[in-house]
Amino acid sequence: GVGAALAGNLTFMVGGVEQEFNAAKELLTCMGSNVVYCGEVGTGQAAKICNNMLLAISMIGTAEAMNLGIRL
């Protein structure tokens, strides 16, 4: 989020030509502490989508547990 961006702690999951990734990595490390090469074009986006889905599932479980705890 914004706090991580301000602190330079973002994570970048990058797909594309590895030589181009290596050329851009120095710039990306100015904005984020974790820069991960994921493979060919589209794989970085796929990794981000999977990460977001996992976070959403975790938040749904947390909300359901809180709701159950309140009701009990």
PDB file of N, CA and C in Angstrom:
ATOM      1  N   GLY A   1       0.801  -1.181   0.000  1.00  0.00           N
ATOM      2  CA  GLY A   1       0.000   0.000   0.000  1.00  0.00           C
ATOM      3  C   GLY A   1       0.853   1.258   0.000  1.00  0.00           C
ATOM      4  N   VAL A   2       0.223   2.352   0.332  1.00  0.00           N
ATOM      5  CA  VAL A   2       0.894   3.654   0.315  1.00  0.00           C
ATOM      6  C   VAL A   2       2.043   3.692   1.323  1.00  0.00           C
ATOM      7  N   GLY A   3       1.823   3.159   2.501  1.00  0.00           N
ATOM      8  CA  GLY A   3       2.879   3.150   3.521  1.00  0.00           C
ATOM      9  C   GLY A   3       4.122   2.407   3.062  1.00  0.00           C
ATOM     10  N   ALA A   4       3.921   1.257   2.426  1.00  0.00           N
ATOM     11  CA  ALA A   4       5.058   0.472   1.918  1.00  0.00           C
ATOM     12  C   ALA A   4       5.764   1.212   0.792  1.00  0.00           C
ATOM     13  N   ALA A   5       4.988   1.907  -0.029  1.00  0.00           N
ATOM     14  CA  ALA A   5       5.586   2.681  -1.126  1.00  0.00           C
ATOM     15  C   ALA A   5       6.444   3.817  -0.572  1.00  0.00           C
ATOM     16  N   LEU A   6       5.929   4.527   0.418  1.00  0.00           N
ATOM     17  CA  LEU A   6       6.685   5.623   1.015  1.00  0.00           C
ATOM     18  C   LEU A   6       7.960   5.126   1.683  1.00  0.00           C
ATOM     19  N   ALA A   7       7.892   3.941   2.273  1.00  0.00           N
ATOM     20  CA  ALA A   7       9.049   3.370   2.962  1.00  0.00           C
ATOM     21  C   ALA A   7       9.999   2.646   2.012  1.00  0.00           C
ATOM     22  N   GLY A   8       9.596   2.470   0.760  1.00  0.00           N
ATOM     23  CA  GLY A   8      10.429   1.741  -0.206  1.00  0.00           C
ATOM     24  C   GLY A   8      10.433   0.253   0.027  1.00  0.00           C
ATOM     25  N   ASN A   9       9.325  -0.273   0.564  1.00  0.00           N
ATOM     26  CA  ASN A   9       9.236  -1.693   0.896  1.00  0.00           C
ATOM     27  C   ASN A   9       8.283  -2.475   0.000  1.00  0.00           C
ATOM     28  N   LEU A  10       8.035  -1.984  -1.189  1.00  0.00           N
ATOM     29  CA  LEU A  10       7.146  -2.693  -2.098  1.00  0.00           C
ATOM     30  C   LEU A  10       7.799  -3.984  -2.596  1.00  0.00           C
ATOM     31  N   THR A  11       6.966  -4.889  -3.068  1.00  0.00           N
ATOM     32  CA  THR A  11       7.443  -6.100  -3.726  1.00  0.00           C
ATOM     33  C   THR A  11       7.009  -6.042  -5.178  1.00  0.00           C
ATOM     34  N   PHE A  12       7.958  -6.273  -6.071  1.00  0.00           N
ATOM     35  CA  PHE A  12       7.669  -6.301  -7.508  1.00  0.00           C
ATOM     36  C   PHE A  12       7.848  -7.718  -8.012  1.00  0.00           C
ATOM     37  N   MET A  13       6.817  -8.246  -8.641  1.00  0.00           N
ATOM     38  CA  MET A  13       6.869  -9.545  -9.302  1.00  0.00           C
ATOM     39  C   MET A  13       6.873  -9.251 -10.795  1.00  0.00           C
ATOM     40  N   VAL A  14       7.993  -9.537 -11.450  1.00  0.00           N
ATOM     41  CA  VAL A  14       8.225  -9.049 -12.803  1.00  0.00           C
ATOM     42  C   VAL A  14       8.340 -10.204 -13.786  1.00  0.00           C
ATOM     43  N   GLY A  15       7.629 -10.064 -14.905  1.00  0.00           N
ATOM     44  CA  GLY A  15       7.767 -11.007 -16.006  1.00  0.00           C
ATOM     45  C   GLY A  15       8.299 -10.282 -17.228  1.00  0.00           C
ATOM     46  N   GLY A  16       8.976 -11.008 -18.084  1.00  0.00           N
ATOM     47  CA  GLY A  16       9.507 -10.416 -19.306  1.00  0.00           C
ATOM     48  C   GLY A  16      10.838 -11.032 -19.673  1.00  0.00           C
ATOM     49  N   VAL A  17      11.504 -10.407 -20.598  1.00  0.00           N
ATOM     50  CA  VAL A  17      12.831 -10.856 -21.023  1.00  0.00           C
ATOM     51  C   VAL A  17      13.812 -10.631 -19.868  1.00  0.00           C
ATOM     52  N   GLU A  18      14.565 -11.651 -19.516  1.00  0.00           N
ATOM     53  CA  GLU A  18      15.428 -11.558 -18.331  1.00  0.00           C
ATOM     54  C   GLU A  18      16.467 -10.447 -18.450  1.00  0.00           C
ATOM     55  N   GLN A  19      16.995 -10.217 -19.631  1.00  0.00           N
ATOM     56  CA  GLN A  19      17.978  -9.141 -19.816  1.00  0.00           C
ATOM     57  C   GLN A  19      17.342  -7.780 -19.537  1.00  0.00           C
ATOM     58  N   GLU A  20      16.101  -7.604 -19.952  1.00  0.00           N
ATOM     59  CA  GLU A  20      15.395  -6.349 -19.686  1.00  0.00           C
ATOM     60  C   GLU A  20      15.077  -6.206 -18.205  1.00  0.00           C
ATOM     61  N   PHE A  21      14.738  -7.314 -17.584  1.00  0.00           N
ATOM     62  CA  PHE A  21      14.509  -7.297 -16.133  1.00  0.00           C
ATOM     63  C   PHE A  21      15.774  -6.850 -15.406  1.00  0.00           C
ATOM     64  N   ASN A  22      16.916  -7.438 -15.783  1.00  0.00           N
ATOM     65  CA  ASN A  22      18.184  -7.073 -15.141  1.00  0.00           C
ATOM     66  C   ASN A  22      18.506  -5.596 -15.332  1.00  0.00           C
ATOM     67  N   ALA A  23      18.163  -5.053 -16.502  1.00  0.00           N
ATOM     68  CA  ALA A  23      18.401  -3.631 -16.768  1.00  0.00           C
ATOM     69  C   ALA A  23      17.504  -2.751 -15.903  1.00  0.00           C
ATOM     70  N   ALA A  24      16.287  -3.199 -15.621  1.00  0.00           N
ATOM     71  CA  ALA A  24      15.321  -2.402 -14.852  1.00  0.00           C
ATOM     72  C   ALA A  24      15.406  -2.651 -13.353  1.00  0.00           C
ATOM     73  N   LYS A  25      16.076  -3.709 -12.939  1.00  0.00           N
ATOM     74  CA  LYS A  25      16.083  -4.104 -11.524  1.00  0.00           C
ATOM     75  C   LYS A  25      16.620  -2.999 -10.615  1.00  0.00           C
ATOM     76  N   GLU A  26      17.671  -2.317 -11.039  1.00  0.00           N
ATOM     77  CA  GLU A  26      18.241  -1.256 -10.205  1.00  0.00           C
ATOM     78  C   GLU A  26      17.219  -0.157  -9.928  1.00  0.00           C
ATOM     79  N   LEU A  27      16.457   0.210 -10.936  1.00  0.00           N
ATOM     80  CA  LEU A  27      15.417   1.223 -10.764  1.00  0.00           C
ATOM     81  C   LEU A  27      14.315   0.715  -9.837  1.00  0.00           C
ATOM     82  N   LEU A  28      13.915  -0.537 -10.012  1.00  0.00           N
ATOM     83  CA  LEU A  28      12.857  -1.105  -9.177  1.00  0.00           C
ATOM     84  C   LEU A  28      13.279  -1.208  -7.712  1.00  0.00           C
ATOM     85  N   THR A  29      14.554  -1.479  -7.460  1.00  0.00           N
ATOM     86  CA  THR A  29      15.007  -1.577  -6.066  1.00  0.00           C
ATOM     87  C   THR A  29      15.008  -0.224  -5.359  1.00  0.00           C
ATOM     88  N   CYS A  30      14.905   0.867  -6.107  1.00  0.00           N
ATOM     89  CA  CYS A  30      14.754   2.194  -5.483  1.00  0.00           C
ATOM     90  C   CYS A  30      13.358   2.337  -4.874  1.00  0.00           C
ATOM     91  N   MET A  31      12.403   1.583  -5.395  1.00  0.00           N
ATOM     92  CA  MET A  31      11.013   1.696  -4.939  1.00  0.00           C
ATOM     93  C   MET A  31      10.578   0.520  -4.078  1.00  0.00           C
ATOM     94  N   GLY A  32      11.288  -0.585  -4.161  1.00  0.00           N
ATOM     95  CA  GLY A  32      10.872  -1.765  -3.420  1.00  0.00           C
ATOM     96  C   GLY A  32      12.045  -2.571  -2.916  1.00  0.00           C
ATOM     97  N   SER A  33      11.828  -3.244  -1.810  1.00  0.00           N
ATOM     98  CA  SER A  33      12.890  -4.046  -1.213  1.00  0.00           C
ATOM     99  C   SER A  33      12.921  -5.465  -1.763  1.00  0.00           C
ATOM    100  N   ASN A  34      11.835  -5.899  -2.393  1.00  0.00           N
ATOM    101  CA  ASN A  34      11.759  -7.241  -2.959  1.00  0.00           C
ATOM    102  C   ASN A  34      11.440  -7.138  -4.442  1.00  0.00           C
ATOM    103  N   VAL A  35      12.364  -7.573  -5.277  1.00  0.00           N
ATOM    104  CA  VAL A  35      12.175  -7.569  -6.724  1.00  0.00           C
ATOM    105  C   VAL A  35      12.430  -8.991  -7.201  1.00  0.00           C
ATOM    106  N   VAL A  36      11.379  -9.642  -7.698  1.00  0.00           N
ATOM    107  CA  VAL A  36      11.449 -11.056  -8.045  1.00  0.00           C
ATOM    108  C   VAL A  36      11.194 -11.241  -9.530  1.00  0.00           C
ATOM    109  N   TYR A  37      12.112 -11.920 -10.209  1.00  0.00           N
ATOM    110  CA  TYR A  37      11.913 -12.260 -11.616  1.00  0.00           C
ATOM    111  C   TYR A  37      11.098 -13.546 -11.679  1.00  0.00           C
ATOM    112  N   CYS A  38       9.964 -13.504 -12.371  1.00  0.00           N
ATOM    113  CA  CYS A  38       9.036 -14.634 -12.403  1.00  0.00           C
ATOM    114  C   CYS A  38       9.081 -15.440 -13.704  1.00  0.00           C
ATOM    115  N   GLY A  39       9.744 -14.933 -14.734  1.00  0.00           N
ATOM    116  CA  GLY A  39       9.814 -15.670 -15.995  1.00  0.00           C
ATOM    117  C   GLY A  39       9.320 -14.826 -17.151  1.00  0.00           C
ATOM    118  N   GLU A  40       8.749 -15.474 -18.125  1.00  0.00           N
ATOM    119  CA  GLU A  40       8.334 -14.798 -19.356  1.00  0.00           C
ATOM    120  C   GLU A  40       7.222 -13.780 -19.127  1.00  0.00           C
ATOM    121  N   VAL A  41       6.924 -13.035 -20.159  1.00  0.00           N
ATOM    122  CA  VAL A  41       5.898 -11.987 -20.092  1.00  0.00           C
ATOM    123  C   VAL A  41       4.589 -12.569 -19.546  1.00  0.00           C
ATOM    124  N   GLY A  42       4.022 -11.890 -18.575  1.00  0.00           N
ATOM    125  CA  GLY A  42       2.741 -12.298 -17.989  1.00  0.00           C
ATOM    126  C   GLY A  42       2.869 -13.070 -16.686  1.00  0.00           C
ATOM    127  N   THR A  43       4.040 -13.643 -16.420  1.00  0.00           N
ATOM    128  CA  THR A  43       4.179 -14.446 -15.209  1.00  0.00           C
ATOM    129  C   THR A  43       4.208 -13.600 -13.940  1.00  0.00           C
ATOM    130  N   GLY A  44       4.724 -12.394 -14.031  1.00  0.00           N
ATOM    131  CA  GLY A  44       4.708 -11.497 -12.869  1.00  0.00           C
ATOM    132  C   GLY A  44       3.282 -11.117 -12.504  1.00  0.00           C
ATOM    133  N   GLN A  45       2.485 -10.838 -13.525  1.00  0.00           N
ATOM    134  CA  GLN A  45       1.078 -10.497 -13.299  1.00  0.00           C
ATOM    135  C   GLN A  45       0.321 -11.698 -12.731  1.00  0.00           C
ATOM    136  N   ALA A  46       0.621 -12.885 -13.227  1.00  0.00           N
ATOM    137  CA  ALA A  46      -0.028 -14.093 -12.707  1.00  0.00           C
ATOM    138  C   ALA A  46       0.331 -14.310 -11.239  1.00  0.00           C
ATOM    139  N   ALA A  47       1.607 -14.081 -10.886  1.00  0.00           N
ATOM    140  CA  ALA A  47       2.026 -14.232  -9.492  1.00  0.00           C
ATOM    141  C   ALA A  47       1.308 -13.225  -8.601  1.00  0.00           C
ATOM    142  N   LYS A  48       1.156 -11.989  -9.073  1.00  0.00           N
ATOM    143  CA  LYS A  48       0.463 -10.950  -8.300  1.00  0.00           C
ATOM    144  C   LYS A  48      -1.010 -11.306  -8.102  1.00  0.00           C
ATOM    145  N   ILE A  49      -1.648 -11.816  -9.154  1.00  0.00           N
ATOM    146  CA  ILE A  49      -3.056 -12.214  -9.050  1.00  0.00           C
ATOM    147  C   ILE A  49      -3.214 -13.336  -8.025  1.00  0.00           C
ATOM    148  N   CYS A  50      -2.314 -14.327  -8.069  1.00  0.00           N
ATOM    149  CA  CYS A  50      -2.378 -15.425  -7.099  1.00  0.00           C
ATOM    150  C   CYS A  50      -2.168 -14.922  -5.679  1.00  0.00           C
ATOM    151  N   ASN A  51      -1.228 -14.002  -5.495  1.00  0.00           N
ATOM    152  CA  ASN A  51      -0.965 -13.418  -4.192  1.00  0.00           C
ATOM    153  C   ASN A  51      -2.191 -12.663  -3.674  1.00  0.00           C
ATOM    154  N   ASN A  52      -2.827 -11.885  -4.537  1.00  0.00           N
ATOM    155  CA  ASN A  52      -4.025 -11.139  -4.133  1.00  0.00           C
ATOM    156  C   ASN A  52      -5.170 -12.080  -3.784  1.00  0.00           C
ATOM    157  N   MET A  53      -5.313 -13.179  -4.549  1.00  0.00           N
ATOM    158  CA  MET A  53      -6.380 -14.132  -4.256  1.00  0.00           C
ATOM    159  C   MET A  53      -6.147 -14.790  -2.894  1.00  0.00           C
ATOM    160  N   LEU A  54      -4.900 -15.152  -2.609  1.00  0.00           N
ATOM    161  CA  LEU A  54      -4.581 -15.759  -1.324  1.00  0.00           C
ATOM    162  C   LEU A  54      -4.873 -14.787  -0.179  1.00  0.00           C
ATOM    163  N   LEU A  55      -4.525 -13.520  -0.352  1.00  0.00           N
ATOM    164  CA  LEU A  55      -4.816 -12.514   0.667  1.00  0.00           C
ATOM    165  C   LEU A  55      -6.321 -12.364   0.868  1.00  0.00           C
ATOM    166  N   ALA A  56      -7.082 -12.342  -0.214  1.00  0.00           N
ATOM    167  CA  ALA A  56      -8.540 -12.207  -0.114  1.00  0.00           C
ATOM    168  C   ALA A  56      -9.142 -13.395   0.630  1.00  0.00           C
ATOM    169  N   ILE A  57      -8.680 -14.599   0.324  1.00  0.00           N
ATOM    170  CA  ILE A  57      -9.187 -15.793   1.007  1.00  0.00           C
ATOM    171  C   ILE A  57      -8.881 -15.714   2.499  1.00  0.00           C
ATOM    172  N   SER A  58      -7.688 -15.257   2.838  1.00  0.00           N
ATOM    173  CA  SER A  58      -7.303 -15.111   4.233  1.00  0.00           C
ATOM    174  C   SER A  58      -8.189 -14.087   4.945  1.00  0.00           C
ATOM    175  N   MET A  59      -8.467 -12.976   4.279  1.00  0.00           N
ATOM    176  CA  MET A  59      -9.305 -11.939   4.892  1.00  0.00           C
ATOM    177  C   MET A  59     -10.749 -12.415   5.057  1.00  0.00           C
ATOM    178  N   ILE A  60     -11.245 -13.183   4.104  1.00  0.00           N
ATOM    179  CA  ILE A  60     -12.599 -13.737   4.228  1.00  0.00           C
ATOM    180  C   ILE A  60     -12.664 -14.668   5.436  1.00  0.00           C
ATOM    181  N   GLY A  61     -11.651 -15.522   5.592  1.00  0.00           N
ATOM    182  CA  GLY A  61     -11.614 -16.421   6.748  1.00  0.00           C
ATOM    183  C   GLY A  61     -11.557 -15.657   8.061  1.00  0.00           C
ATOM    184  N   THR A  62     -10.783 -14.592   8.102  1.00  0.00           N
ATOM    185  CA  THR A  62     -10.697 -13.764   9.307  1.00  0.00           C
ATOM    186  C   THR A  62     -12.043 -13.129   9.627  1.00  0.00           C
ATOM    187  N   ALA A  63     -12.710 -12.599   8.609  1.00  0.00           N
ATOM    188  CA  ALA A  63     -14.018 -11.969   8.809  1.00  0.00           C
ATOM    189  C   ALA A  63     -15.047 -12.986   9.290  1.00  0.00           C
ATOM    190  N   GLU A  64     -15.029 -14.169   8.707  1.00  0.00           N
ATOM    191  CA  GLU A  64     -15.978 -15.211   9.133  1.00  0.00           C
ATOM    192  C   GLU A  64     -15.716 -15.652  10.569  1.00  0.00           C
ATOM    193  N   ALA A  65     -14.448 -15.772  10.953  1.00  0.00           N
ATOM    194  CA  ALA A  65     -14.113 -16.158  12.322  1.00  0.00           C
ATOM    195  C   ALA A  65     -14.552 -15.085  13.313  1.00  0.00           C
ATOM    196  N   MET A  66     -14.340 -13.818  12.962  1.00  0.00           N
ATOM    197  CA  MET A  66     -14.778 -12.731  13.822  1.00  0.00           C
ATOM    198  C   MET A  66     -16.296 -12.732  13.959  1.00  0.00           C
ATOM    199  N   ASN A  67     -16.994 -12.921  12.872  1.00  0.00           N
ATOM    200  CA  ASN A  67     -18.462 -12.964  12.882  1.00  0.00           C
ATOM    201  C   ASN A  67     -18.957 -14.120  13.759  1.00  0.00           C
ATOM    202  N   LEU A  68     -18.345 -15.289  13.606  1.00  0.00           N
ATOM    203  CA  LEU A  68     -18.739 -16.445  14.426  1.00  0.00           C
ATOM    204  C   LEU A  68     -18.462 -16.171  15.896  1.00  0.00           C
ATOM    205  N   GLY A  69     -17.295 -15.598  16.193  1.00  0.00           N
ATOM    206  CA  GLY A  69     -16.963 -15.300  17.589  1.00  0.00           C
ATOM    207  C   GLY A  69     -17.930 -14.324  18.219  1.00  0.00           C
ATOM    208  N   ILE A  70     -18.327 -13.316  17.475  1.00  0.00           N
ATOM    209  CA  ILE A  70     -19.284 -12.329  17.988  1.00  0.00           C
ATOM    210  C   ILE A  70     -20.636 -12.974  18.244  1.00  0.00           C
ATOM    211  N   ARG A  71     -21.073 -13.813  17.325  1.00  0.00           N
ATOM    212  CA  ARG A  71     -22.382 -14.456  17.456  1.00  0.00           C
ATOM    213  C   ARG A  71     -22.418 -15.496  18.572  1.00  0.00           C
ATOM    214  N   LEU A  72     -21.279 -16.130  18.847  1.00  0.00           N
ATOM    215  CA  LEU A  72     -21.259 -17.135  19.901  1.00  0.00           C
ATOM    216  C   LEU A  72     -21.120 -16.484  21.266  1.00  0.00           C
TER     217      LEU A  72
END
